[in-house]
Amino acid sequence: MSEKKTRRGFVKEIATGSAAVAVAGGVSSGEASQESLESRLERLERRLQHLEDIQAINRLQYAYNYYVEHMMKQEIIDCFSDSPDVLLDWLEGKWKGKAGVRKYFDVNQVPQVGFQHQLIPSAGLITIAQDGKTAKGRWYAFGGVMMPVPAKEGEKPEFTRSFINGIYEIGYIKEEGIWKILTINWVIPYGVRIKDGWIMPEDIAGPMLAGQSGAGPQMAADIPMDKDDLRYVTGYILPFHFTHPVTGKPTSEAKRNARLKPLKP
């Protein structure tokens, strides 16, 4: 059974139930028939489709920002439409079409271990076009940015650290029932540089792996810390429970995590 038929049956049950309530509540059959069941079905279907579209766009946007956090470039590229109208409008210039997206997010340039570009989307306001084929969204995006500084052999890696507050105006397009990103317009009202840096995973886990007490209540764990657990290493990507919202394929965090080595206490 198709999704449309399933939705139609669900909406029909609601509409039929509403009509029965109206008659039971004292509304005459003539009054109840002023608005036909069919028109009621169509209205409810449009409302349900609108909500489903917003939910799908939210999911797409959240996934995109998770991929940007670790610069998972192929996953980022796959979020975009193949339309020639695709446009990245960044501060440093504009990139046109899917080819422009691939050029900007060059998969051959793998980010260094420890790179992080966390931009948390919030206050999203989505407007669906009347035809249901395109949409616009506006988002705040705030988060920490950590850029590795090239280090000489044997030296401990260093990072530049900052916080960024940005604003997205994003265009979306629905292709064969799937929402994709069409355009991104991006501005940064302000950023904050952090002189002293911030605490890294190794700073948190290192002392505990060495036998020191951690913060919080002191009690024995049911399962002790695993010294080979990569969660204690800078650059670790916590595995996603979901597949890519456009392609439906698994994502590449396992491949990225394979570059890491366990922390030595």
C-alpha atoms as a PDB file:
ATOM      1  CA  MET A   1       0.000   0.000   0.000  1.00  0.00           C
ATOM      2  CA  SER A   2       1.391   3.419  -0.976  1.00  0.00           C
ATOM      3  CA  GLU A   3       2.138   6.154   1.527  1.00  0.00           C
ATOM      4  CA  LYS A   4      -0.490   8.383  -0.111  1.00  0.00           C
ATOM      5  CA  LYS A   5      -3.220   5.729   0.203  1.00  0.00           C
ATOM      6  CA  THR A   6      -2.252   5.074   3.811  1.00  0.00           C
ATOM      7  CA  ARG A   7      -2.384   8.794   4.600  1.00  0.00           C
ATOM      8  CA  ARG A   8      -5.697   9.085   2.759  1.00  0.00           C
ATOM      9  CA  GLY A   9      -7.212   6.313   4.868  1.00  0.00           C
ATOM     10  CA  PHE A  10      -5.931   7.865   8.081  1.00  0.00           C
ATOM     11  CA  VAL A  11      -7.251  11.308   7.190  1.00  0.00           C
ATOM     12  CA  LYS A  12     -10.578   9.825   6.065  1.00  0.00           C
ATOM     13  CA  GLU A  13     -11.045   8.231   9.483  1.00  0.00           C
ATOM     14  CA  ILE A  14     -10.463  11.589  11.153  1.00  0.00           C
ATOM     15  CA  ALA A  15     -12.771  13.456   8.789  1.00  0.00           C
ATOM     16  CA  THR A  16     -15.518  10.831   9.070  1.00  0.00           C
ATOM     17  CA  GLY A  17     -15.213  10.895  12.823  1.00  0.00           C
ATOM     18  CA  SER A  18     -15.520  14.676  12.843  1.00  0.00           C
ATOM     19  CA  ALA A  19     -18.686  14.494  10.747  1.00  0.00           C
ATOM     20  CA  ALA A  20     -20.207  11.923  13.096  1.00  0.00           C
ATOM     21  CA  VAL A  21     -19.441  14.117  16.088  1.00  0.00           C
ATOM     22  CA  ALA A  22     -21.043  17.100  14.356  1.00  0.00           C
ATOM     23  CA  VAL A  23     -24.274  15.168  13.693  1.00  0.00           C
ATOM     24  CA  ALA A  24     -24.319  13.709  17.202  1.00  0.00           C
ATOM     25  CA  GLY A  25     -23.844  17.189  18.595  1.00  0.00           C
ATOM     26  CA  GLY A  26     -27.063  18.448  17.062  1.00  0.00           C
ATOM     27  CA  VAL A  27     -25.891  19.664  13.660  1.00  0.00           C
ATOM     28  CA  SER A  28     -28.388  18.727  10.944  1.00  0.00           C
ATOM     29  CA  SER A  29     -27.339  16.481   8.079  1.00  0.00           C
ATOM     30  CA  GLY A  30     -27.928  19.396   5.713  1.00  0.00           C
ATOM     31  CA  GLU A  31     -25.543  21.616   7.643  1.00  0.00           C
ATOM     32  CA  ALA A  32     -22.994  18.844   7.937  1.00  0.00           C
ATOM     33  CA  SER A  33     -23.056  18.280   4.185  1.00  0.00           C
ATOM     34  CA  GLN A  34     -22.326  21.938   3.379  1.00  0.00           C
ATOM     35  CA  GLU A  35     -18.700  21.010   3.396  1.00  0.00           C
ATOM     36  CA  SER A  36     -18.342  17.708   1.650  1.00  0.00           C
ATOM     37  CA  LEU A  37     -16.313  14.882   3.087  1.00  0.00           C
ATOM     38  CA  GLU A  38     -14.046  15.088   0.056  1.00  0.00           C
ATOM     39  CA  SER A  39     -13.144  18.738   0.652  1.00  0.00           C
ATOM     40  CA  ARG A  40     -12.538  17.997   4.314  1.00  0.00           C
ATOM     41  CA  LEU A  41     -10.222  15.159   3.317  1.00  0.00           C
ATOM     42  CA  GLU A  42      -8.300  17.395   0.936  1.00  0.00           C
ATOM     43  CA  ARG A  43      -7.847  20.105   3.556  1.00  0.00           C
ATOM     44  CA  LEU A  44      -6.620  17.661   6.186  1.00  0.00           C
ATOM     45  CA  GLU A  45      -4.297  15.993   3.697  1.00  0.00           C
ATOM     46  CA  ARG A  46      -2.725  19.351   2.851  1.00  0.00           C
ATOM     47  CA  ARG A  47      -2.204  20.119   6.529  1.00  0.00           C
ATOM     48  CA  LEU A  48      -0.665  16.709   7.176  1.00  0.00           C
ATOM     49  CA  GLN A  49       1.614  17.003   4.142  1.00  0.00           C
ATOM     50  CA  HIS A  50       2.720  20.457   5.326  1.00  0.00           C
ATOM     51  CA  LEU A  51       3.713  19.058   8.726  1.00  0.00           C
ATOM     52  CA  GLU A  52       5.524  16.114   7.151  1.00  0.00           C
ATOM     53  CA  ASP A  53       7.472  18.487   4.885  1.00  0.00           C
ATOM     54  CA  ILE A  54       8.577  20.630   7.822  1.00  0.00           C
ATOM     55  CA  GLN A  55       9.641  17.536   9.742  1.00  0.00           C
ATOM     56  CA  ALA A  56      11.670  16.275   6.764  1.00  0.00           C
ATOM     57  CA  ILE A  57      13.381  19.650   6.287  1.00  0.00           C
ATOM     58  CA  ASN A  58      14.262  19.813   9.979  1.00  0.00           C
ATOM     59  CA  ARG A  59      15.790  16.346   9.756  1.00  0.00           C
ATOM     60  CA  LEU A  60      17.783  17.304   6.653  1.00  0.00           C
ATOM     61  CA  GLN A  61      19.093  20.483   8.274  1.00  0.00           C
ATOM     62  CA  TYR A  62      20.093  18.795  11.523  1.00  0.00           C
ATOM     63  CA  ALA A  63      21.904  16.032   9.616  1.00  0.00           C
ATOM     64  CA  TYR A  64      23.718  18.597   7.441  1.00  0.00           C
ATOM     65  CA  ASN A  65      25.048  20.380  10.515  1.00  0.00           C
ATOM     66  CA  TYR A  66      26.197  17.113  12.096  1.00  0.00           C
ATOM     67  CA  TYR A  67      28.170  16.404   8.914  1.00  0.00           C
ATOM     68  CA  VAL A  68      29.616  19.928   8.844  1.00  0.00           C
ATOM     69  CA  GLU A  69      30.816  19.522  12.437  1.00  0.00           C
ATOM     70  CA  HIS A  70      33.382  16.950  11.299  1.00  0.00           C
ATOM     71  CA  MET A  71      33.548  18.099   7.662  1.00  0.00           C
ATOM     72  CA  MET A  72      32.189  14.793   6.341  1.00  0.00           C
ATOM     73  CA  LYS A  73      32.366  16.102   2.816  1.00  0.00           C
ATOM     74  CA  GLN A  74      30.633  13.399   0.787  1.00  0.00           C
ATOM     75  CA  GLU A  75      27.714  13.392   3.204  1.00  0.00           C
ATOM     76  CA  ILE A  76      27.537  17.194   2.926  1.00  0.00           C
ATOM     77  CA  ILE A  77      27.553  17.067  -0.882  1.00  0.00           C
ATOM     78  CA  ASP A  78      24.783  14.459  -0.871  1.00  0.00           C
ATOM     79  CA  CYS A  79      22.507  16.869   1.029  1.00  0.00           C
ATOM     80  CA  PHE A  80      22.301  19.104  -2.068  1.00  0.00           C
ATOM     81  CA  SER A  81      20.075  19.001  -5.119  1.00  0.00           C
ATOM     82  CA  ASP A  82      21.505  18.317  -8.584  1.00  0.00           C
ATOM     83  CA  SER A  83      19.699  21.425  -9.870  1.00  0.00           C
ATOM     84  CA  PRO A  84      21.771  24.028 -11.766  1.00  0.00           C
ATOM     85  CA  ASP A  85      20.223  26.588  -9.390  1.00  0.00           C
ATOM     86  CA  VAL A  86      22.249  25.284  -6.439  1.00  0.00           C
ATOM     87  CA  LEU A  87      24.251  28.117  -4.869  1.00  0.00           C
ATOM     88  CA  LEU A  88      26.627  28.455  -1.916  1.00  0.00           C
ATOM     89  CA  ASP A  89      26.734  32.134  -0.951  1.00  0.00           C
ATOM     90  CA  TRP A  90      29.633  32.251   1.523  1.00  0.00           C
ATOM     91  CA  LEU A  91      31.485  35.276   2.839  1.00  0.00           C
ATOM     92  CA  GLU A  92      34.538  34.459   0.713  1.00  0.00           C
ATOM     93  CA  GLY A  93      32.585  34.093  -2.535  1.00  0.00           C
ATOM     94  CA  LYS A  94      29.886  32.099  -4.324  1.00  0.00           C
ATOM     95  CA  TRP A  95      29.938  28.548  -5.681  1.00  0.00           C
ATOM     96  CA  LYS A  96      27.398  27.537  -8.327  1.00  0.00           C
ATOM     97  CA  GLY A  97      25.693  24.226  -9.044  1.00  0.00           C
ATOM     98  CA  LYS A  98      26.439  20.767  -7.674  1.00  0.00           C
ATOM     99  CA  ALA A  99      29.876  21.074  -9.273  1.00  0.00           C
ATOM    100  CA  GLY A 100      30.476  24.171  -7.153  1.00  0.00           C
ATOM    101  CA  VAL A 101      29.478  22.277  -4.020  1.00  0.00           C
ATOM    102  CA  ARG A 102      31.910  19.477  -4.915  1.00  0.00           C
ATOM    103  CA  LYS A 103      34.622  22.042  -5.604  1.00  0.00           C
ATOM    104  CA  TYR A 104      34.169  23.732  -2.237  1.00  0.00           C
ATOM    105  CA  PHE A 105      33.815  20.499  -0.254  1.00  0.00           C
ATOM    106  CA  ASP A 106      36.699  18.727  -1.993  1.00  0.00           C
ATOM    107  CA  VAL A 107      36.573  15.105  -0.821  1.00  0.00           C
ATOM    108  CA  ASN A 108      40.263  14.707  -1.692  1.00  0.00           C
ATOM    109  CA  GLN A 109      41.198  17.148   1.065  1.00  0.00           C
ATOM    110  CA  VAL A 110      40.608  15.173   4.251  1.00  0.00           C
ATOM    111  CA  PRO A 111      40.407  17.315   7.410  1.00  0.00           C
ATOM    112  CA  GLN A 112      43.163  16.829   9.952  1.00  0.00           C
ATOM    113  CA  VAL A 113      42.406  14.842  13.072  1.00  0.00           C
ATOM    114  CA  GLY A 114      40.817  17.139  15.634  1.00  0.00           C
ATOM    115  CA  PHE A 115      39.115  19.469  13.165  1.00  0.00           C
ATOM    116  CA  GLN A 116      35.730  20.563  14.473  1.00  0.00           C
ATOM    117  CA  HIS A 117      33.222  23.027  13.046  1.00  0.00           C
ATOM    118  CA  GLN A 118      30.247  22.705  15.337  1.00  0.00           C
ATOM    119  CA  LEU A 119      27.349  24.913  14.271  1.00  0.00           C
ATOM    120  CA  ILE A 120      24.197  24.094  16.225  1.00  0.00           C
ATOM    121  CA  PRO A 121      21.058  25.066  14.241  1.00  0.00           C
ATOM    122  CA  SER A 122      18.380  26.720  16.354  1.00  0.00           C
ATOM    123  CA  ALA A 123      15.325  28.982  16.103  1.00  0.00           C
ATOM    124  CA  GLY A 124      14.500  27.450  12.729  1.00  0.00           C
ATOM    125  CA  LEU A 125      11.631  29.101  10.877  1.00  0.00           C
ATOM    126  CA  ILE A 126      10.520  27.197   7.771  1.00  0.00           C
ATOM    127  CA  THR A 127       8.155  28.479   5.084  1.00  0.00           C
ATOM    128  CA  ILE A 128       6.794  25.991   2.537  1.00  0.00           C
ATOM    129  CA  ALA A 129       5.862  27.387  -0.893  1.00  0.00           C
ATOM    130  CA  GLN A 130       2.213  27.142  -1.954  1.00  0.00           C
ATOM    131  CA  ASP A 131       2.998  24.444  -4.511  1.00  0.00           C
ATOM    132  CA  GLY A 132       4.800  22.350  -1.870  1.00  0.00           C
ATOM    133  CA  LYS A 133       7.848  21.935  -4.118  1.00  0.00           C
ATOM    134  CA  THR A 134      10.239  24.435  -2.527  1.00  0.00           C
ATOM    135  CA  ALA A 135      10.778  25.978   0.876  1.00  0.00           C
ATOM    136  CA  LYS A 136      12.850  28.552   2.741  1.00  0.00           C
ATOM    137  CA  GLY A 137      14.367  28.287   6.182  1.00  0.00           C
ATOM    138  CA  ARG A 138      16.126  30.706   8.515  1.00  0.00           C
ATOM    139  CA  TRP A 139      18.377  29.452  11.303  1.00  0.00           C
ATOM    140  CA  TYR A 140      20.812  30.632  13.899  1.00  0.00           C
ATOM    141  CA  ALA A 141      23.983  28.510  13.968  1.00  0.00           C
ATOM    142  CA  PHE A 142      26.220  28.838  17.020  1.00  0.00           C
ATOM    143  CA  GLY A 143      29.089  26.642  18.093  1.00  0.00           C
ATOM    144  CA  GLY A 144      32.758  25.957  18.649  1.00  0.00           C
ATOM    145  CA  VAL A 145      35.302  25.855  15.852  1.00  0.00           C
ATOM    146  CA  MET A 146      38.635  24.088  16.327  1.00  0.00           C
ATOM    147  CA  MET A 147      41.265  24.255  13.595  1.00  0.00           C
ATOM    148  CA  PRO A 148      44.460  22.160  13.855  1.00  0.00           C
ATOM    149  CA  VAL A 149      47.702  24.088  13.421  1.00  0.00           C
ATOM    150  CA  PRO A 150      50.389  22.152  11.509  1.00  0.00           C
ATOM    151  CA  ALA A 151      52.915  20.769  14.009  1.00  0.00           C
ATOM    152  CA  LYS A 152      56.447  19.547  13.482  1.00  0.00           C
ATOM    153  CA  GLU A 153      57.190  15.858  13.856  1.00  0.00           C
ATOM    154  CA  GLY A 154      57.164  14.811  17.490  1.00  0.00           C
ATOM    155  CA  GLU A 155      55.418  17.970  18.669  1.00  0.00           C
ATOM    156  CA  LYS A 156      52.011  17.971  20.334  1.00  0.00           C
ATOM    157  CA  PRO A 157      49.280  19.217  17.951  1.00  0.00           C
ATOM    158  CA  GLU A 158      47.998  22.728  18.579  1.00  0.00           C
ATOM    159  CA  PHE A 159      44.599  24.150  17.713  1.00  0.00           C
ATOM    160  CA  THR A 160      43.039  27.539  17.153  1.00  0.00           C
ATOM    161  CA  ARG A 161      39.751  27.755  19.014  1.00  0.00           C
ATOM    162  CA  SER A 162      36.819  30.106  18.648  1.00  0.00           C
ATOM    163  CA  PHE A 163      33.067  30.414  18.862  1.00  0.00           C
ATOM    164  CA  ILE A 164      30.991  31.567  15.901  1.00  0.00           C
ATOM    165  CA  ASN A 165      27.472  32.942  15.728  1.00  0.00           C
ATOM    166  CA  GLY A 166      26.064  32.684  12.223  1.00  0.00           C
ATOM    167  CA  ILE A 167      22.748  33.035  10.411  1.00  0.00           C
ATOM    168  CA  TYR A 168      21.556  30.797   7.576  1.00  0.00           C
ATOM    169  CA  GLU A 169      18.951  31.634   4.950  1.00  0.00           C
ATOM    170  CA  ILE A 170      18.518  28.319   3.168  1.00  0.00           C
ATOM    171  CA  GLY A 171      16.474  27.290   0.156  1.00  0.00           C
ATOM    172  CA  TYR A 172      15.175  23.723  -0.144  1.00  0.00           C
ATOM    173  CA  ILE A 173      13.694  21.782  -3.033  1.00  0.00           C
ATOM    174  CA  LYS A 174      11.639  18.589  -3.068  1.00  0.00           C
ATOM    175  CA  GLU A 175      12.750  16.103  -5.712  1.00  0.00           C
ATOM    176  CA  GLU A 176      10.925  12.789  -6.132  1.00  0.00           C
ATOM    177  CA  GLY A 177       9.503  13.154  -2.642  1.00  0.00           C
ATOM    178  CA  ILE A 178      12.853  13.925  -0.957  1.00  0.00           C
ATOM    179  CA  TRP A 179      13.830  17.344   0.391  1.00  0.00           C
ATOM    180  CA  LYS A 180      17.312  18.609  -0.521  1.00  0.00           C
ATOM    181  CA  ILE A 181      19.279  21.817  -0.033  1.00  0.00           C
ATOM    182  CA  LEU A 182      19.131  24.210  -2.989  1.00  0.00           C
ATOM    183  CA  THR A 183      20.810  27.393  -1.744  1.00  0.00           C
ATOM    184  CA  ILE A 184      22.660  28.628   1.331  1.00  0.00           C
ATOM    185  CA  ASN A 185      23.202  32.277   2.233  1.00  0.00           C
ATOM    186  CA  TRP A 186      25.474  32.572   5.264  1.00  0.00           C
ATOM    187  CA  VAL A 187      26.579  35.513   7.419  1.00  0.00           C
ATOM    188  CA  ILE A 188      28.572  35.727  10.664  1.00  0.00           C
ATOM    189  CA  PRO A 189      27.435  38.641  12.864  1.00  0.00           C
ATOM    190  CA  TYR A 190      30.214  37.917  15.372  1.00  0.00           C
ATOM    191  CA  GLY A 191      32.762  35.415  16.604  1.00  0.00           C
ATOM    192  CA  VAL A 192      34.796  34.998  19.773  1.00  0.00           C
ATOM    193  CA  ARG A 193      38.438  33.871  19.932  1.00  0.00           C
ATOM    194  CA  ILE A 194      39.416  31.865  22.990  1.00  0.00           C
ATOM    195  CA  LYS A 195      42.924  32.670  24.157  1.00  0.00           C
ATOM    196  CA  ASP A 196      43.352  29.845  26.667  1.00  0.00           C
ATOM    197  CA  GLY A 197      41.621  27.183  24.602  1.00  0.00           C
ATOM    198  CA  TRP A 198      39.311  24.616  26.119  1.00  0.00           C
ATOM    199  CA  ILE A 199      39.499  21.239  27.776  1.00  0.00           C
ATOM    200  CA  MET A 200      40.032  18.380  25.338  1.00  0.00           C
ATOM    201  CA  PRO A 201      38.838  14.757  25.627  1.00  0.00           C
ATOM    202  CA  GLU A 202      42.353  13.693  26.620  1.00  0.00           C
ATOM    203  CA  ASP A 203      42.353  16.273  29.426  1.00  0.00           C
ATOM    204  CA  ILE A 204      39.129  14.795  30.788  1.00  0.00           C
ATOM    205  CA  ALA A 205      39.850  11.091  30.393  1.00  0.00           C
ATOM    206  CA  GLY A 206      43.641  11.011  30.792  1.00  0.00           C
ATOM    207  CA  PRO A 207      43.751  11.440  34.581  1.00  0.00           C
ATOM    208  CA  MET A 208      40.947   8.898  35.052  1.00  0.00           C
ATOM    209  CA  LEU A 209      42.695   6.333  32.847  1.00  0.00           C
ATOM    210  CA  ALA A 210      45.795   6.897  34.982  1.00  0.00           C
ATOM    211  CA  GLY A 211      43.818   5.980  38.094  1.00  0.00           C
ATOM    212  CA  GLN A 212      42.850   9.402  39.387  1.00  0.00           C
ATOM    213  CA  SER A 213      39.330  10.061  40.613  1.00  0.00           C
ATOM    214  CA  GLY A 214      36.973  11.712  38.184  1.00  0.00           C
ATOM    215  CA  ALA A 215      34.542  14.525  38.887  1.00  0.00           C
ATOM    216  CA  GLY A 216      31.215  13.698  40.496  1.00  0.00           C
ATOM    217  CA  PRO A 217      30.205  11.000  42.979  1.00  0.00           C
ATOM    218  CA  GLN A 218      32.932   8.478  43.737  1.00  0.00           C
ATOM    219  CA  MET A 219      31.497   5.022  43.139  1.00  0.00           C
ATOM    220  CA  ALA A 220      32.622   1.910  41.331  1.00  0.00           C
ATOM    221  CA  ALA A 221      31.342   1.564  37.768  1.00  0.00           C
ATOM    222  CA  ASP A 222      29.503  -1.587  36.735  1.00  0.00           C
ATOM    223  CA  ILE A 223      31.827  -1.728  33.726  1.00  0.00           C
ATOM    224  CA  PRO A 224      35.272  -0.074  34.140  1.00  0.00           C
ATOM    225  CA  MET A 225      36.688   2.371  31.587  1.00  0.00           C
ATOM    226  CA  ASP A 226      37.976   0.720  28.437  1.00  0.00           C
ATOM    227  CA  LYS A 227      41.471   2.059  27.784  1.00  0.00           C
ATOM    228  CA  ASP A 228      41.019   1.370  24.065  1.00  0.00           C
ATOM    229  CA  ASP A 229      37.806   3.409  23.872  1.00  0.00           C
ATOM    230  CA  LEU A 230      38.267   6.076  21.207  1.00  0.00           C
ATOM    231  CA  ARG A 231      35.763   8.398  22.897  1.00  0.00           C
ATOM    232  CA  TYR A 232      38.695   9.707  24.918  1.00  0.00           C
ATOM    233  CA  VAL A 233      40.565  10.862  21.809  1.00  0.00           C
ATOM    234  CA  THR A 234      40.305  14.204  19.999  1.00  0.00           C
ATOM    235  CA  GLY A 235      38.680  13.741  16.600  1.00  0.00           C
ATOM    236  CA  TYR A 236      36.361  10.890  17.553  1.00  0.00           C
ATOM    237  CA  ILE A 237      32.954  11.003  15.843  1.00  0.00           C
ATOM    238  CA  LEU A 238      30.169   9.483  17.909  1.00  0.00           C
ATOM    239  CA  PRO A 239      28.427   7.042  15.500  1.00  0.00           C
ATOM    240  CA  PHE A 240      25.136   8.207  14.020  1.00  0.00           C
ATOM    241  CA  HIS A 241      22.068   6.040  14.597  1.00  0.00           C
ATOM    242  CA  PHE A 242      20.497   7.311  11.357  1.00  0.00           C
ATOM    243  CA  THR A 243      21.312   6.937   7.678  1.00  0.00           C
ATOM    244  CA  HIS A 244      21.747   9.872   5.307  1.00  0.00           C
ATOM    245  CA  PRO A 245      18.400  11.714   4.885  1.00  0.00           C
ATOM    246  CA  VAL A 246      18.823  12.020   1.105  1.00  0.00           C
ATOM    247  CA  THR A 247      20.698   8.890   0.013  1.00  0.00           C
ATOM    248  CA  GLY A 248      19.562   6.535   2.779  1.00  0.00           C
ATOM    249  CA  LYS A 249      23.138   5.207   2.965  1.00  0.00           C
ATOM    250  CA  PRO A 250      25.264   4.670   6.103  1.00  0.00           C
ATOM    251  CA  THR A 251      27.719   7.484   6.841  1.00  0.00           C
ATOM    252  CA  SER A 252      31.518   7.404   7.024  1.00  0.00           C
ATOM    253  CA  GLU A 253      32.299   8.038  10.699  1.00  0.00           C
ATOM    254  CA  ALA A 254      33.741   4.530  11.172  1.00  0.00           C
ATOM    255  CA  LYS A 255      36.298   5.209   8.435  1.00  0.00           C
ATOM    256  CA  ARG A 256      37.241   8.526  10.040  1.00  0.00           C
ATOM    257  CA  ASN A 257      37.501   6.983  13.513  1.00  0.00           C
ATOM    258  CA  ALA A 258      39.816   4.279  12.149  1.00  0.00           C
ATOM    259  CA  ARG A 259      42.544   6.941  11.881  1.00  0.00           C
ATOM    260  CA  LEU A 260      42.609   7.378  15.654  1.00  0.00           C
ATOM    261  CA  LYS A 261      44.714   5.608  18.260  1.00  0.00           C
ATOM    262  CA  PRO A 262      43.664   4.888  21.859  1.00  0.00           C
ATOM    263  CA  LEU A 263      44.821   7.296  24.523  1.00  0.00           C
ATOM    264  CA  LYS A 264      47.848   6.150  26.483  1.00  0.00           C
ATOM    265  CA  PRO A 265      47.458   6.880  30.230  1.00  0.00           C
END
